Amino acid sequence: MKNTDIIKIVAISVLVLSISGITRAQQGDAPSDNMQIVREKIQADKKLFVASNMNLTENEAKAFWGVYDSYQKDLMALNERAFKNIGDYATNMDKMTDDIAKKVVNEYLAVEGERQKLRQSYLPEFAKILPNKKVMRYYQLENKIMAVINYDAAKKIPLVDQGSQRSIIDNEVS
């Protein structure tokens, strides 16, 4: 299997998990043990993808995986905020007001800002344990996974309705 196939599998799995979590949250259901199993499977797949693309030495791996796990935990907290924000958008899509739109956009920008701060805050940690080229490679892998997730989300999440005001993109997406 090619790396691009693995990236797509991991990204689609994350997107499916997030969408199913949003659906459950909207329905008021408690998350099931099955969802936790799926989440753990996705995290394991992502870790395998990273491991197969980093070519870490034994010493590098010993130091890397602890920092990686900590980073992923912090990243998951941000992802959950982003998924909740998508859920808020989905819940209010048919009755979107300017106030709700402002809240959704502000939360989106806050999460993205914190995501950037998180990447920057972990950079010195990764740089202590890996050569700079490997640090760059790890950040590139994370970026590729996020790009696929964002692309899939953009295809699935409709633009907010402007009423009678339509744009070129609205016409193409419809």
N, C-alpha and C. Protein backbone atom coordinates (compact mmCIF):
# COMPACT_ATOMS: atom_id res chain seq x y z
N MET A 1 0.85 -1.18 0.00
CA MET A 1 0.00 0.00 0.00
C MET A 1 0.89 1.24 0.00
N LYS A 2 0.58 2.22 -0.83
CA LYS A 2 1.37 3.45 -0.93
C LYS A 2 1.06 4.37 0.25
N ASN A 3 2.02 5.26 0.54
CA ASN A 3 1.84 6.22 1.63
C ASN A 3 0.61 7.09 1.43
N THR A 4 0.32 7.46 0.19
CA THR A 4 -0.86 8.31 -0.06
C THR A 4 -2.13 7.55 0.32
N ASP A 5 -2.15 6.24 0.09
CA ASP A 5 -3.31 5.44 0.48
C ASP A 5 -3.45 5.41 2.00
N ILE A 6 -2.33 5.27 2.70
CA ILE A 6 -2.37 5.24 4.16
C ILE A 6 -2.84 6.58 4.71
N ILE A 7 -2.34 7.68 4.14
CA ILE A 7 -2.77 9.02 4.57
C ILE A 7 -4.28 9.14 4.41
N LYS A 8 -4.79 8.72 3.26
CA LYS A 8 -6.23 8.82 3.01
C LYS A 8 -7.02 7.98 4.00
N ILE A 9 -6.56 6.78 4.30
CA ILE A 9 -7.26 5.91 5.24
C ILE A 9 -7.30 6.55 6.62
N VAL A 10 -6.16 7.04 7.08
CA VAL A 10 -6.11 7.68 8.41
C VAL A 10 -7.01 8.92 8.42
N ALA A 11 -6.89 9.76 7.41
CA ALA A 11 -7.66 11.00 7.38
C ALA A 11 -9.15 10.74 7.29
N ILE A 12 -9.55 9.81 6.44
CA ILE A 12 -10.97 9.50 6.31
C ILE A 12 -11.49 8.88 7.60
N SER A 13 -10.68 8.05 8.23
CA SER A 13 -11.09 7.46 9.51
C SER A 13 -11.32 8.53 10.56
N VAL A 14 -10.41 9.51 10.63
CA VAL A 14 -10.57 10.60 11.59
C VAL A 14 -11.83 11.40 11.28
N LEU A 15 -12.06 11.68 9.99
CA LEU A 15 -13.23 12.45 9.60
C LEU A 15 -14.52 11.69 9.92
N VAL A 16 -14.55 10.40 9.61
CA VAL A 16 -15.73 9.59 9.90
C VAL A 16 -15.98 9.55 11.39
N LEU A 17 -14.93 9.35 12.16
CA LEU A 17 -15.07 9.33 13.61
C LEU A 17 -15.61 10.65 14.13
N SER A 18 -15.10 11.75 13.61
CA SER A 18 -15.55 13.05 14.08
C SER A 18 -17.00 13.31 13.69
N ILE A 19 -17.37 12.96 12.49
CA ILE A 19 -18.75 13.18 12.04
C ILE A 19 -19.70 12.30 12.83
N SER A 20 -19.32 11.05 13.07
CA SER A 20 -20.20 10.18 13.85
C SER A 20 -20.30 10.67 15.29
N GLY A 21 -19.22 11.22 15.82
CA GLY A 21 -19.28 11.80 17.17
C GLY A 21 -20.18 13.01 17.23
N ILE A 22 -20.15 13.84 16.18
CA ILE A 22 -21.03 15.01 16.11
C ILE A 22 -22.48 14.57 16.03
N THR A 23 -22.75 13.56 15.23
CA THR A 23 -24.11 13.06 15.08
C THR A 23 -24.63 12.55 16.42
N ARG A 24 -23.80 11.80 17.13
CA ARG A 24 -24.22 11.30 18.45
C ARG A 24 -24.47 12.46 19.40
N ALA A 25 -23.57 13.47 19.38
CA ALA A 25 -23.73 14.61 20.27
C ALA A 25 -25.03 15.34 19.98
N GLN A 26 -25.38 15.47 18.69
CA GLN A 26 -26.61 16.15 18.32
C GLN A 26 -27.82 15.35 18.76
N GLN A 27 -27.71 14.02 18.76
CA GLN A 27 -28.82 13.17 19.14
C GLN A 27 -28.90 13.01 20.65
N GLY A 28 -27.89 13.48 21.36
CA GLY A 28 -27.89 13.39 22.81
C GLY A 28 -27.48 12.03 23.33
N ASP A 29 -26.95 11.16 22.48
CA ASP A 29 -26.53 9.83 22.91
C ASP A 29 -25.17 9.91 23.59
N ALA A 30 -24.96 9.03 24.55
CA ALA A 30 -23.65 8.92 25.18
C ALA A 30 -22.75 8.15 24.23
N PRO A 31 -21.45 8.53 24.16
CA PRO A 31 -20.55 7.79 23.29
C PRO A 31 -20.44 6.35 23.77
N SER A 32 -20.42 5.44 22.83
CA SER A 32 -20.36 4.02 23.19
C SER A 32 -18.93 3.56 23.30
N ASP A 33 -18.77 2.38 23.90
CA ASP A 33 -17.44 1.79 23.98
C ASP A 33 -16.89 1.51 22.58
N ASN A 34 -17.78 1.23 21.63
CA ASN A 34 -17.34 0.99 20.26
C ASN A 34 -16.65 2.21 19.68
N MET A 35 -17.16 3.41 19.99
CA MET A 35 -16.52 4.62 19.48
C MET A 35 -15.12 4.77 20.06
N GLN A 36 -14.93 4.41 21.30
CA GLN A 36 -13.60 4.48 21.91
C GLN A 36 -12.66 3.50 21.21
N ILE A 37 -13.17 2.33 20.88
CA ILE A 37 -12.36 1.33 20.17
C ILE A 37 -11.97 1.87 18.79
N VAL A 38 -12.92 2.48 18.09
CA VAL A 38 -12.63 3.06 16.77
C VAL A 38 -11.59 4.16 16.90
N ARG A 39 -11.74 5.01 17.90
CA ARG A 39 -10.77 6.11 18.11
C ARG A 39 -9.37 5.55 18.35
N GLU A 40 -9.28 4.53 19.18
CA GLU A 40 -7.98 3.93 19.47
C GLU A 40 -7.38 3.29 18.22
N LYS A 41 -8.21 2.69 17.39
CA LYS A 41 -7.75 2.09 16.13
C LYS A 41 -7.19 3.17 15.20
N ILE A 42 -7.90 4.28 15.11
CA ILE A 42 -7.44 5.37 14.24
C ILE A 42 -6.11 5.93 14.75
N GLN A 43 -6.01 6.11 16.06
CA GLN A 43 -4.76 6.62 16.63
C GLN A 43 -3.61 5.64 16.38
N ALA A 44 -3.90 4.35 16.48
CA ALA A 44 -2.87 3.34 16.21
C ALA A 44 -2.47 3.36 14.74
N ASP A 45 -3.45 3.52 13.84
CA ASP A 45 -3.14 3.59 12.41
C ASP A 45 -2.27 4.81 12.11
N LYS A 46 -2.59 5.93 12.73
CA LYS A 46 -1.81 7.15 12.51
C LYS A 46 -0.39 6.94 13.02
N LYS A 47 -0.28 6.34 14.19
CA LYS A 47 1.05 6.09 14.77
C LYS A 47 1.86 5.16 13.86
N LEU A 48 1.21 4.15 13.32
CA LEU A 48 1.89 3.23 12.39
C LEU A 48 2.34 3.97 11.14
N PHE A 49 1.47 4.85 10.63
CA PHE A 49 1.83 5.65 9.46
C PHE A 49 3.05 6.52 9.75
N VAL A 50 3.06 7.18 10.90
CA VAL A 50 4.20 8.03 11.27
C VAL A 50 5.44 7.16 11.44
N ALA A 51 5.31 6.04 12.14
CA ALA A 51 6.46 5.17 12.37
C ALA A 51 7.06 4.67 11.06
N SER A 52 6.20 4.31 10.13
CA SER A 52 6.70 3.77 8.86
C SER A 52 7.34 4.83 7.97
N ASN A 53 7.14 6.09 8.30
CA ASN A 53 7.68 7.17 7.47
C ASN A 53 8.78 7.98 8.15
N MET A 54 9.11 7.67 9.39
CA MET A 54 10.12 8.45 10.10
C MET A 54 11.51 7.81 10.11
N ASN A 55 11.59 6.50 9.96
CA ASN A 55 12.89 5.83 9.99
C ASN A 55 13.71 6.22 11.22
N LEU A 56 13.11 6.09 12.37
CA LEU A 56 13.77 6.46 13.62
C LEU A 56 14.75 5.39 14.06
N THR A 57 15.88 5.83 14.62
CA THR A 57 16.79 4.88 15.25
C THR A 57 16.15 4.43 16.56
N GLU A 58 16.72 3.42 17.17
CA GLU A 58 16.17 2.92 18.44
C GLU A 58 16.18 4.01 19.51
N ASN A 59 17.28 4.74 19.62
CA ASN A 59 17.38 5.82 20.62
C ASN A 59 16.41 6.96 20.32
N GLU A 60 16.29 7.32 19.04
CA GLU A 60 15.34 8.37 18.66
C GLU A 60 13.92 7.95 18.98
N ALA A 61 13.59 6.70 18.68
CA ALA A 61 12.23 6.21 18.92
C ALA A 61 11.88 6.24 20.41
N LYS A 62 12.83 5.85 21.26
CA LYS A 62 12.58 5.86 22.70
C LYS A 62 12.17 7.25 23.18
N ALA A 63 12.83 8.27 22.68
CA ALA A 63 12.54 9.64 23.09
C ALA A 63 11.34 10.21 22.34
N PHE A 64 11.20 9.86 21.06
CA PHE A 64 10.18 10.46 20.21
C PHE A 64 8.76 10.10 20.64
N TRP A 65 8.50 8.83 20.91
CA TRP A 65 7.12 8.40 21.10
C TRP A 65 6.47 9.00 22.34
N GLY A 66 7.23 9.30 23.36
CA GLY A 66 6.66 9.97 24.53
C GLY A 66 6.21 11.39 24.20
N VAL A 67 7.06 12.12 23.47
CA VAL A 67 6.70 13.48 23.05
C VAL A 67 5.54 13.42 22.06
N TYR A 68 5.59 12.48 21.14
CA TYR A 68 4.51 12.30 20.16
C TYR A 68 3.18 12.07 20.87
N ASP A 69 3.15 11.16 21.84
CA ASP A 69 1.90 10.85 22.54
C ASP A 69 1.35 12.08 23.27
N SER A 70 2.24 12.84 23.88
CA SER A 70 1.82 14.06 24.57
C SER A 70 1.25 15.08 23.58
N TYR A 71 1.93 15.24 22.46
CA TYR A 71 1.47 16.15 21.41
C TYR A 71 0.11 15.72 20.87
N GLN A 72 -0.04 14.43 20.61
CA GLN A 72 -1.31 13.92 20.09
C GLN A 72 -2.45 14.14 21.08
N LYS A 73 -2.18 13.99 22.36
CA LYS A 73 -3.20 14.22 23.39
C LYS A 73 -3.65 15.69 23.35
N ASP A 74 -2.69 16.60 23.28
CA ASP A 74 -3.02 18.02 23.21
C ASP A 74 -3.73 18.35 21.90
N LEU A 75 -3.29 17.74 20.82
CA LEU A 75 -3.90 17.96 19.51
C LEU A 75 -5.34 17.44 19.50
N MET A 76 -5.58 16.30 20.13
CA MET A 76 -6.93 15.74 20.17
C MET A 76 -7.90 16.68 20.89
N ALA A 77 -7.42 17.33 21.94
CA ALA A 77 -8.27 18.29 22.65
C ALA A 77 -8.69 19.42 21.70
N LEU A 78 -7.77 19.91 20.89
CA LEU A 78 -8.11 20.95 19.91
C LEU A 78 -9.03 20.40 18.83
N ASN A 79 -8.76 19.19 18.38
CA ASN A 79 -9.62 18.58 17.37
C ASN A 79 -11.05 18.41 17.88
N GLU A 80 -11.19 18.03 19.14
CA GLU A 80 -12.53 17.89 19.70
C GLU A 80 -13.26 19.24 19.74
N ARG A 81 -12.53 20.31 20.04
CA ARG A 81 -13.13 21.65 19.97
C ARG A 81 -13.56 21.98 18.55
N ALA A 82 -12.71 21.66 17.59
CA ALA A 82 -13.04 21.93 16.18
C ALA A 82 -14.26 21.11 15.77
N PHE A 83 -14.32 19.84 16.16
CA PHE A 83 -15.45 18.99 15.81
C PHE A 83 -16.74 19.50 16.46
N LYS A 84 -16.62 19.97 17.70
CA LYS A 84 -17.80 20.55 18.37
C LYS A 84 -18.27 21.78 17.61
N ASN A 85 -17.34 22.59 17.15
CA ASN A 85 -17.69 23.79 16.40
C ASN A 85 -18.38 23.43 15.09
N ILE A 86 -17.90 22.38 14.42
CA ILE A 86 -18.57 21.90 13.20
C ILE A 86 -19.97 21.43 13.54
N GLY A 87 -20.10 20.75 14.68
CA GLY A 87 -21.42 20.31 15.13
C GLY A 87 -22.34 21.48 15.42
N ASP A 88 -21.81 22.53 16.03
CA ASP A 88 -22.62 23.74 16.27
C ASP A 88 -23.07 24.35 14.95
N TYR A 89 -22.18 24.37 13.97
CA TYR A 89 -22.54 24.87 12.65
C TYR A 89 -23.65 24.01 12.05
N ALA A 90 -23.48 22.69 12.11
CA ALA A 90 -24.47 21.78 11.53
C ALA A 90 -25.83 21.94 12.21
N THR A 91 -25.81 22.09 13.53
CA THR A 91 -27.06 22.24 14.28
C THR A 91 -27.79 23.51 13.88
N ASN A 92 -27.04 24.57 13.60
CA ASN A 92 -27.63 25.88 13.32
C ASN A 92 -27.67 26.23 11.85
N MET A 93 -27.28 25.32 10.99
CA MET A 93 -27.17 25.62 9.56
C MET A 93 -28.47 26.16 8.97
N ASP A 94 -29.58 25.55 9.33
CA ASP A 94 -30.86 25.97 8.75
C ASP A 94 -31.43 27.23 9.39
N LYS A 95 -30.90 27.59 10.53
CA LYS A 95 -31.40 28.79 11.22
C LYS A 95 -30.25 29.73 11.58
N MET A 96 -29.26 29.79 10.70
CA MET A 96 -28.05 30.58 10.93
C MET A 96 -28.37 32.07 11.02
N THR A 97 -27.91 32.68 12.10
CA THR A 97 -28.02 34.13 12.26
C THR A 97 -26.61 34.71 12.17
N ASP A 98 -26.51 36.02 12.06
CA ASP A 98 -25.20 36.66 12.04
C ASP A 98 -24.46 36.43 13.35
N ASP A 99 -25.17 36.43 14.47
CA ASP A 99 -24.53 36.21 15.77
C ASP A 99 -23.95 34.80 15.88
N ILE A 100 -24.72 33.80 15.43
CA ILE A 100 -24.22 32.43 15.47
C ILE A 100 -23.04 32.28 14.51
N ALA A 101 -23.14 32.86 13.33
CA ALA A 101 -22.05 32.80 12.34
C ALA A 101 -20.78 33.41 12.93
N LYS A 102 -20.91 34.53 13.60
CA LYS A 102 -19.76 35.19 14.21
C LYS A 102 -19.12 34.29 15.27
N LYS A 103 -19.95 33.66 16.08
CA LYS A 103 -19.47 32.75 17.12
C LYS A 103 -18.71 31.57 16.50
N VAL A 104 -19.27 30.98 15.45
CA VAL A 104 -18.63 29.83 14.79
C VAL A 104 -17.29 30.24 14.18
N VAL A 105 -17.26 31.38 13.50
CA VAL A 105 -16.01 31.85 12.88
C VAL A 105 -14.97 32.17 13.95
N ASN A 106 -15.38 32.84 15.02
CA ASN A 106 -14.43 33.17 16.09
C ASN A 106 -13.85 31.92 16.73
N GLU A 107 -14.67 30.90 16.95
CA GLU A 107 -14.17 29.65 17.53
C GLU A 107 -13.24 28.94 16.55
N TYR A 108 -13.59 28.94 15.28
CA TYR A 108 -12.71 28.35 14.26
C TYR A 108 -11.33 29.01 14.29
N LEU A 109 -11.31 30.34 14.29
CA LEU A 109 -10.03 31.06 14.30
C LEU A 109 -9.26 30.84 15.59
N ALA A 110 -9.97 30.77 16.71
CA ALA A 110 -9.32 30.51 18.00
C ALA A 110 -8.66 29.13 18.00
N VAL A 111 -9.37 28.13 17.51
CA VAL A 111 -8.81 26.77 17.47
C VAL A 111 -7.60 26.73 16.54
N GLU A 112 -7.72 27.34 15.37
CA GLU A 112 -6.59 27.33 14.43
C GLU A 112 -5.38 28.06 15.02
N GLY A 113 -5.62 29.16 15.72
CA GLY A 113 -4.53 29.88 16.38
C GLY A 113 -3.86 29.02 17.44
N GLU A 114 -4.66 28.33 18.22
CA GLU A 114 -4.11 27.45 19.26
C GLU A 114 -3.40 26.25 18.65
N ARG A 115 -3.89 25.78 17.51
CA ARG A 115 -3.22 24.66 16.82
C ARG A 115 -1.81 25.10 16.40
N GLN A 116 -1.70 26.33 15.88
CA GLN A 116 -0.39 26.85 15.48
C GLN A 116 0.51 27.02 16.71
N LYS A 117 -0.03 27.55 17.80
CA LYS A 117 0.76 27.69 19.03
C LYS A 117 1.22 26.34 19.54
N LEU A 118 0.36 25.34 19.43
CA LEU A 118 0.72 23.99 19.87
C LEU A 118 1.89 23.45 19.05
N ARG A 119 1.81 23.60 17.73
CA ARG A 119 2.92 23.14 16.88
C ARG A 119 4.22 23.84 17.27
N GLN A 120 4.13 25.15 17.50
CA GLN A 120 5.33 25.91 17.87
C GLN A 120 5.85 25.50 19.24
N SER A 121 4.94 25.22 20.16
CA SER A 121 5.39 24.87 21.52
C SER A 121 6.08 23.51 21.56
N TYR A 122 5.72 22.61 20.68
CA TYR A 122 6.34 21.29 20.66
C TYR A 122 7.61 21.24 19.81
N LEU A 123 7.82 22.23 18.99
CA LEU A 123 9.00 22.24 18.12
C LEU A 123 10.30 22.08 18.92
N PRO A 124 10.53 22.83 19.99
CA PRO A 124 11.78 22.63 20.74
C PRO A 124 11.88 21.22 21.35
N GLU A 125 10.74 20.65 21.74
CA GLU A 125 10.76 19.30 22.31
C GLU A 125 11.21 18.28 21.26
N PHE A 126 10.62 18.37 20.07
CA PHE A 126 11.03 17.45 19.01
C PHE A 126 12.47 17.71 18.59
N ALA A 127 12.89 18.98 18.57
CA ALA A 127 14.25 19.33 18.15
C ALA A 127 15.30 18.83 19.14
N LYS A 128 14.93 18.65 20.40
CA LYS A 128 15.87 18.12 21.39
C LYS A 128 16.20 16.65 21.12
N ILE A 129 15.27 15.94 20.50
CA ILE A 129 15.42 14.49 20.40
C ILE A 129 15.64 13.98 18.98
N LEU A 130 15.42 14.84 17.99
CA LEU A 130 15.57 14.43 16.60
C LEU A 130 16.40 15.44 15.82
N PRO A 131 17.10 14.98 14.78
CA PRO A 131 17.75 15.93 13.88
C PRO A 131 16.68 16.80 13.19
N ASN A 132 17.06 17.99 12.83
CA ASN A 132 16.10 18.94 12.25
C ASN A 132 15.38 18.40 11.02
N LYS A 133 16.07 17.62 10.19
CA LYS A 133 15.42 17.07 9.01
C LYS A 133 14.31 16.10 9.40
N LYS A 134 14.49 15.35 10.46
CA LYS A 134 13.45 14.43 10.91
C LYS A 134 12.31 15.19 11.57
N VAL A 135 12.62 16.26 12.26
CA VAL A 135 11.56 17.10 12.83
C VAL A 135 10.71 17.66 11.69
N MET A 136 11.39 18.17 10.67
CA MET A 136 10.66 18.71 9.51
C MET A 136 9.80 17.63 8.87
N ARG A 137 10.34 16.44 8.72
CA ARG A 137 9.60 15.34 8.11
C ARG A 137 8.35 15.02 8.94
N TYR A 138 8.49 14.99 10.27
CA TYR A 138 7.33 14.71 11.13
C TYR A 138 6.26 15.79 10.94
N TYR A 139 6.66 17.04 10.94
CA TYR A 139 5.69 18.13 10.74
C TYR A 139 5.04 18.04 9.35
N GLN A 140 5.81 17.61 8.36
CA GLN A 140 5.24 17.41 7.02
C GLN A 140 4.20 16.29 7.04
N LEU A 141 4.48 15.21 7.74
CA LEU A 141 3.51 14.10 7.83
C LEU A 141 2.22 14.57 8.49
N GLU A 142 2.34 15.30 9.59
CA GLU A 142 1.16 15.85 10.27
C GLU A 142 0.39 16.77 9.33
N ASN A 143 1.12 17.59 8.57
CA ASN A 143 0.48 18.52 7.64
C ASN A 143 -0.26 17.77 6.53
N LYS A 144 0.32 16.71 6.03
CA LYS A 144 -0.34 15.92 4.97
C LYS A 144 -1.63 15.29 5.49
N ILE A 145 -1.59 14.75 6.67
CA ILE A 145 -2.80 14.15 7.26
C ILE A 145 -3.87 15.22 7.44
N MET A 146 -3.48 16.37 7.96
CA MET A 146 -4.45 17.45 8.18
C MET A 146 -5.00 17.98 6.86
N ALA A 147 -4.18 18.03 5.82
CA ALA A 147 -4.63 18.52 4.52
C ALA A 147 -5.72 17.60 3.95
N VAL A 148 -5.54 16.30 4.10
CA VAL A 148 -6.54 15.35 3.60
C VAL A 148 -7.83 15.48 4.41
N ILE A 149 -7.70 15.62 5.72
CA ILE A 149 -8.89 15.79 6.57
C ILE A 149 -9.63 17.07 6.18
N ASN A 150 -8.88 18.16 6.02
CA ASN A 150 -9.51 19.44 5.64
C ASN A 150 -10.16 19.36 4.27
N TYR A 151 -9.53 18.68 3.33
CA TYR A 151 -10.10 18.53 1.99
C TYR A 151 -11.41 17.75 2.06
N ASP A 152 -11.40 16.64 2.77
CA ASP A 152 -12.62 15.83 2.89
C ASP A 152 -13.71 16.60 3.61
N ALA A 153 -13.34 17.34 4.66
CA ALA A 153 -14.33 18.14 5.39
C ALA A 153 -14.92 19.22 4.48
N ALA A 154 -14.07 19.86 3.69
CA ALA A 154 -14.54 20.92 2.79
C ALA A 154 -15.53 20.37 1.77
N LYS A 155 -15.32 19.13 1.33
CA LYS A 155 -16.25 18.51 0.38
C LYS A 155 -17.59 18.19 1.04
N LYS A 156 -17.58 17.88 2.33
CA LYS A 156 -18.78 17.40 3.00
C LYS A 156 -19.57 18.49 3.73
N ILE A 157 -18.90 19.55 4.14
CA ILE A 157 -19.55 20.60 4.91
C ILE A 157 -20.02 21.69 3.96
N PRO A 158 -21.33 21.89 3.86
CA PRO A 158 -21.84 22.90 2.92
C PRO A 158 -21.54 24.32 3.39
N LEU A 159 -21.46 25.21 2.42
CA LEU A 159 -21.31 26.63 2.73
C LEU A 159 -22.58 27.14 3.39
N VAL A 160 -22.43 28.13 4.23
CA VAL A 160 -23.59 28.73 4.88
C VAL A 160 -24.49 29.38 3.82
N ASP A 161 -25.77 29.23 3.99
CA ASP A 161 -26.75 29.79 3.04
C ASP A 161 -26.83 31.30 3.24
N GLN A 162 -26.74 32.03 2.13
CA GLN A 162 -26.84 33.49 2.17
C GLN A 162 -28.23 33.97 1.75
N GLY A 163 -29.15 33.05 1.64
CA GLY A 163 -30.47 33.42 1.15
C GLY A 163 -30.43 33.58 -0.35
N SER A 164 -30.94 34.68 -0.84
CA SER A 164 -31.00 34.89 -2.29
C SER A 164 -29.65 35.31 -2.88
N GLN A 165 -28.69 35.67 -2.04
CA GLN A 165 -27.37 36.08 -2.53
C GLN A 165 -26.54 34.82 -2.78
N ARG A 166 -26.30 34.49 -4.02
CA ARG A 166 -25.53 33.30 -4.40
C ARG A 166 -24.20 33.73 -4.97
N SER A 167 -23.20 32.90 -4.78
CA SER A 167 -21.87 33.19 -5.33
C SER A 167 -21.52 32.12 -6.36
N ILE A 168 -20.40 32.31 -7.01
CA ILE A 168 -19.92 31.34 -7.98
C ILE A 168 -19.70 29.99 -7.31
N ILE A 169 -19.14 29.98 -6.12
CA ILE A 169 -18.89 28.73 -5.41
C ILE A 169 -20.20 28.05 -5.07
N ASP A 170 -21.21 28.80 -4.62
CA ASP A 170 -22.51 28.20 -4.32
C ASP A 170 -23.06 27.48 -5.54
N ASN A 171 -22.93 28.08 -6.70
CA ASN A 171 -23.43 27.47 -7.93
C ASN A 171 -22.66 26.21 -8.29
N GLU A 172 -21.34 26.20 -8.03
CA GLU A 172 -20.52 25.02 -8.34
C GLU A 172 -20.77 23.89 -7.36
N VAL A 173 -21.00 24.20 -6.08
CA VAL A 173 -21.18 23.19 -5.05
C VAL A 173 -22.57 22.57 -5.15
N SER A 174 -23.56 23.34 -5.53
CA SER A 174 -24.94 22.85 -5.58
C SER A 174 -25.13 21.73 -6.53
